[in-house]
C-alpha atoms as a PDB file:
ATOM      1  CA  UNK A   1       0.000   0.000   0.000  1.00  0.00           C
ATOM      2  CA  UNK A   2       1.443   3.378  -1.009  1.00  0.00           C
ATOM      3  CA  UNK A   3      -1.315   5.849  -0.105  1.00  0.00           C
ATOM      4  CA  UNK A   4      -3.879   5.802   2.696  1.00  0.00           C
ATOM      5  CA  UNK A   5      -6.853   8.159   2.914  1.00  0.00           C
ATOM      6  CA  UNK A   6      -7.580   8.940   6.540  1.00  0.00           C
ATOM      7  CA  UNK A   7     -11.318   9.375   6.950  1.00  0.00           C
ATOM      8  CA  UNK A   8     -13.641  10.774   9.590  1.00  0.00           C
ATOM      9  CA  UNK A   9     -11.213  13.506  10.604  1.00  0.00           C
ATOM     10  CA  UNK A  10     -12.399  17.088  10.215  1.00  0.00           C
ATOM     11  CA  UNK A  11      -9.161  19.001   9.635  1.00  0.00           C
ATOM     12  CA  UNK A  12      -8.092  19.199   5.994  1.00  0.00           C
ATOM     13  CA  UNK A  13      -4.555  17.832   5.522  1.00  0.00           C
ATOM     14  CA  UNK A  14      -4.892  16.912   1.846  1.00  0.00           C
ATOM     15  CA  UNK A  15      -1.181  16.841   0.948  1.00  0.00           C
ATOM     16  CA  UNK A  16       0.075  13.236   1.288  1.00  0.00           C
ATOM     17  CA  UNK A  17       2.514  13.053   4.194  1.00  0.00           C
ATOM     18  CA  UNK A  18       4.935  10.273   5.132  1.00  0.00           C
ATOM     19  CA  UNK A  19       3.653   7.884   7.759  1.00  0.00           C
ATOM     20  CA  UNK A  20       5.578   7.737  11.020  1.00  0.00           C
ATOM     21  CA  UNK A  21       5.451   3.945  10.731  1.00  0.00           C
ATOM     22  CA  UNK A  22       5.647   1.984   7.521  1.00  0.00           C
ATOM     23  CA  UNK A  23       6.504   3.067   3.996  1.00  0.00           C
ATOM     24  CA  UNK A  24       3.264   4.714   2.917  1.00  0.00           C
ATOM     25  CA  UNK A  25       1.847   8.233   2.738  1.00  0.00           C
ATOM     26  CA  UNK A  26      -1.362   9.556   4.310  1.00  0.00           C
ATOM     27  CA  UNK A  27      -3.865  12.062   2.944  1.00  0.00           C
ATOM     28  CA  UNK A  28      -6.553  13.423   5.248  1.00  0.00           C
ATOM     29  CA  UNK A  29      -9.115  15.265   3.091  1.00  0.00           C
ATOM     30  CA  UNK A  30     -11.194  16.323   6.079  1.00  0.00           C
ATOM     31  CA  UNK A  31     -14.742  17.598   6.035  1.00  0.00           C
ATOM     32  CA  UNK A  32     -15.847  19.947   3.270  1.00  0.00           C
ATOM     33  CA  UNK A  33     -17.553  22.171   5.853  1.00  0.00           C
ATOM     34  CA  UNK A  34     -16.496  23.538   9.218  1.00  0.00           C
ATOM     35  CA  UNK A  35     -18.052  21.125  11.698  1.00  0.00           C
ATOM     36  CA  UNK A  36     -16.211  21.829  14.948  1.00  0.00           C
ATOM     37  CA  UNK A  37     -14.988  24.962  16.662  1.00  0.00           C
ATOM     38  CA  UNK A  38     -11.241  24.432  16.466  1.00  0.00           C
ATOM     39  CA  UNK A  39      -8.279  26.178  14.870  1.00  0.00           C
ATOM     40  CA  UNK A  40      -7.804  23.311  12.418  1.00  0.00           C
ATOM     41  CA  UNK A  41     -11.338  23.799  11.126  1.00  0.00           C
ATOM     42  CA  UNK A  42     -10.802  27.509  10.593  1.00  0.00           C
ATOM     43  CA  UNK A  43      -8.233  26.800   7.864  1.00  0.00           C
ATOM     44  CA  UNK A  44      -9.137  26.761   4.174  1.00  0.00           C
ATOM     45  CA  UNK A  45     -10.727  23.513   2.936  1.00  0.00           C
ATOM     46  CA  UNK A  46      -9.451  21.617  -0.121  1.00  0.00           C
ATOM     47  CA  UNK A  47     -10.205  18.585  -2.221  1.00  0.00           C
ATOM     48  CA  UNK A  48      -7.597  16.629  -4.112  1.00  0.00           C
ATOM     49  CA  UNK A  49      -7.231  15.336  -7.642  1.00  0.00           C
ATOM     50  CA  UNK A  50      -5.375  12.025  -7.447  1.00  0.00           C
ATOM     51  CA  UNK A  51      -3.523  10.941 -10.582  1.00  0.00           C
ATOM     52  CA  UNK A  52      -2.068   7.430 -10.765  1.00  0.00           C
ATOM     53  CA  UNK A  53       0.349   6.113 -13.378  1.00  0.00           C
ATOM     54  CA  UNK A  54       1.833   2.689 -12.750  1.00  0.00           C
ATOM     55  CA  UNK A  55       3.396   2.713  -9.291  1.00  0.00           C
ATOM     56  CA  UNK A  56       3.510   6.522  -9.102  1.00  0.00           C
ATOM     57  CA  UNK A  57       0.854   8.976  -7.946  1.00  0.00           C
ATOM     58  CA  UNK A  58       0.451  12.676  -7.390  1.00  0.00           C
ATOM     59  CA  UNK A  59      -2.153  14.717  -5.589  1.00  0.00           C
ATOM     60  CA  UNK A  60      -3.169  18.151  -6.855  1.00  0.00           C
ATOM     61  CA  UNK A  61      -4.597  20.330  -4.079  1.00  0.00           C
ATOM     62  CA  UNK A  62      -7.745  22.227  -5.155  1.00  0.00           C
ATOM     63  CA  UNK A  63      -9.180  24.886  -2.804  1.00  0.00           C
ATOM     64  CA  UNK A  64     -12.921  24.713  -2.218  1.00  0.00           C
ATOM     65  CA  UNK A  65     -14.617  27.993  -3.030  1.00  0.00           C
ATOM     66  CA  UNK A  66     -18.034  27.455  -1.443  1.00  0.00           C
ATOM     67  CA  UNK A  67     -17.223  26.400   2.098  1.00  0.00           C
ATOM     68  CA  UNK A  68     -19.082  27.906   5.020  1.00  0.00           C
ATOM     69  CA  UNK A  69     -16.390  29.574   7.061  1.00  0.00           C
ATOM     70  CA  UNK A  70     -16.230  30.594  10.677  1.00  0.00           C
ATOM     71  CA  UNK A  71     -13.994  32.814  12.747  1.00  0.00           C
ATOM     72  CA  UNK A  72     -12.180  31.545  15.807  1.00  0.00           C
ATOM     73  CA  UNK A  73     -10.871  33.639  18.675  1.00  0.00           C
ATOM     74  CA  UNK A  74     -10.353  33.673  22.396  1.00  0.00           C
ATOM     75  CA  UNK A  75     -11.320  36.117  25.113  1.00  0.00           C
ATOM     76  CA  UNK A  76     -10.288  36.196  28.746  1.00  0.00           C
ATOM     77  CA  UNK A  77     -12.637  38.395  30.761  1.00  0.00           C
ATOM     78  CA  UNK A  78      -9.998  38.495  33.494  1.00  0.00           C
ATOM     79  CA  UNK A  79      -7.592  40.123  31.012  1.00  0.00           C
ATOM     80  CA  UNK A  80     -10.293  42.558  29.872  1.00  0.00           C
ATOM     81  CA  UNK A  81     -10.808  43.673  33.460  1.00  0.00           C
ATOM     82  CA  UNK A  82      -7.072  44.190  33.954  1.00  0.00           C
ATOM     83  CA  UNK A  83      -6.215  45.668  30.536  1.00  0.00           C
ATOM     84  CA  UNK A  84      -9.282  47.873  30.025  1.00  0.00           C
ATOM     85  CA  UNK A  85      -8.799  49.962  33.136  1.00  0.00           C
ATOM     86  CA  UNK A  86     -11.519  48.259  35.123  1.00  0.00           C
ATOM     87  CA  UNK A  87     -14.182  48.145  32.382  1.00  0.00           C
ATOM     88  CA  UNK A  88     -15.392  44.928  33.976  1.00  0.00           C
ATOM     89  CA  UNK A  89     -15.565  45.491  37.709  1.00  0.00           C
ATOM     90  CA  UNK A  90     -16.884  42.489  39.644  1.00  0.00           C
ATOM     91  CA  UNK A  91     -18.478  44.894  42.132  1.00  0.00           C
ATOM     92  CA  UNK A  92     -20.436  46.714  39.384  1.00  0.00           C
ATOM     93  CA  UNK A  93     -24.167  45.861  39.613  1.00  0.00           C
ATOM     94  CA  UNK A  94     -24.346  46.127  35.795  1.00  0.00           C
ATOM     95  CA  UNK A  95     -21.426  43.792  35.108  1.00  0.00           C
ATOM     96  CA  UNK A  96     -23.631  41.253  33.288  1.00  0.00           C
ATOM     97  CA  UNK A  97     -24.836  43.880  30.824  1.00  0.00           C
ATOM     98  CA  UNK A  98     -21.292  45.197  30.323  1.00  0.00           C
ATOM     99  CA  UNK A  99     -19.938  41.669  29.743  1.00  0.00           C
ATOM    100  CA  UNK A 100     -22.726  40.920  27.260  1.00  0.00           C
ATOM    101  CA  UNK A 101     -22.037  44.155  25.398  1.00  0.00           C
ATOM    102  CA  UNK A 102     -18.286  43.551  25.325  1.00  0.00           C
ATOM    103  CA  UNK A 103     -18.682  39.950  24.116  1.00  0.00           C
ATOM    104  CA  UNK A 104     -21.210  40.981  21.442  1.00  0.00           C
ATOM    105  CA  UNK A 105     -18.712  43.571  20.170  1.00  0.00           C
ATOM    106  CA  UNK A 106     -15.972  40.922  20.042  1.00  0.00           C
ATOM    107  CA  UNK A 107     -18.191  38.494  18.087  1.00  0.00           C
ATOM    108  CA  UNK A 108     -19.183  41.223  15.621  1.00  0.00           C
ATOM    109  CA  UNK A 109     -15.504  42.081  15.159  1.00  0.00           C
ATOM    110  CA  UNK A 110     -14.668  38.440  14.401  1.00  0.00           C
ATOM    111  CA  UNK A 111     -17.499  38.217  11.872  1.00  0.00           C
ATOM    112  CA  UNK A 112     -16.453  41.484  10.183  1.00  0.00           C
ATOM    113  CA  UNK A 113     -12.819  40.352   9.961  1.00  0.00           C
ATOM    114  CA  UNK A 114     -13.850  36.952   8.580  1.00  0.00           C
ATOM    115  CA  UNK A 115     -15.973  38.644   5.900  1.00  0.00           C
ATOM    116  CA  UNK A 116     -13.253  41.252   5.251  1.00  0.00           C
ATOM    117  CA  UNK A 117     -15.587  44.073   6.276  1.00  0.00           C
ATOM    118  CA  UNK A 118     -13.989  47.165   7.811  1.00  0.00           C
END
């Protein structure tokens, strides 16, 4: 066996890579849509065109143009409290509203950046 297609993994690693054991290569096409919230899923999705001639093969990586994308980011409210000059004060009776507003702004910023909107 020269090439193995690794199925049921979501991250797209289409380029055949040498196996750590054995003398074969592995291609992991991944899911054609973002199905989990992880950094690997935020990367561009591809399909592959496999050409075989005799004992040789090559994979041509083709980017998918109609994939639903998502933006991934992280927020530490503890850091926001420290770095924003006390914007989130645990003693503030309106902290829940302020947190909700801050988080909504962060989500909107991620969406705008993912859609390349200023």
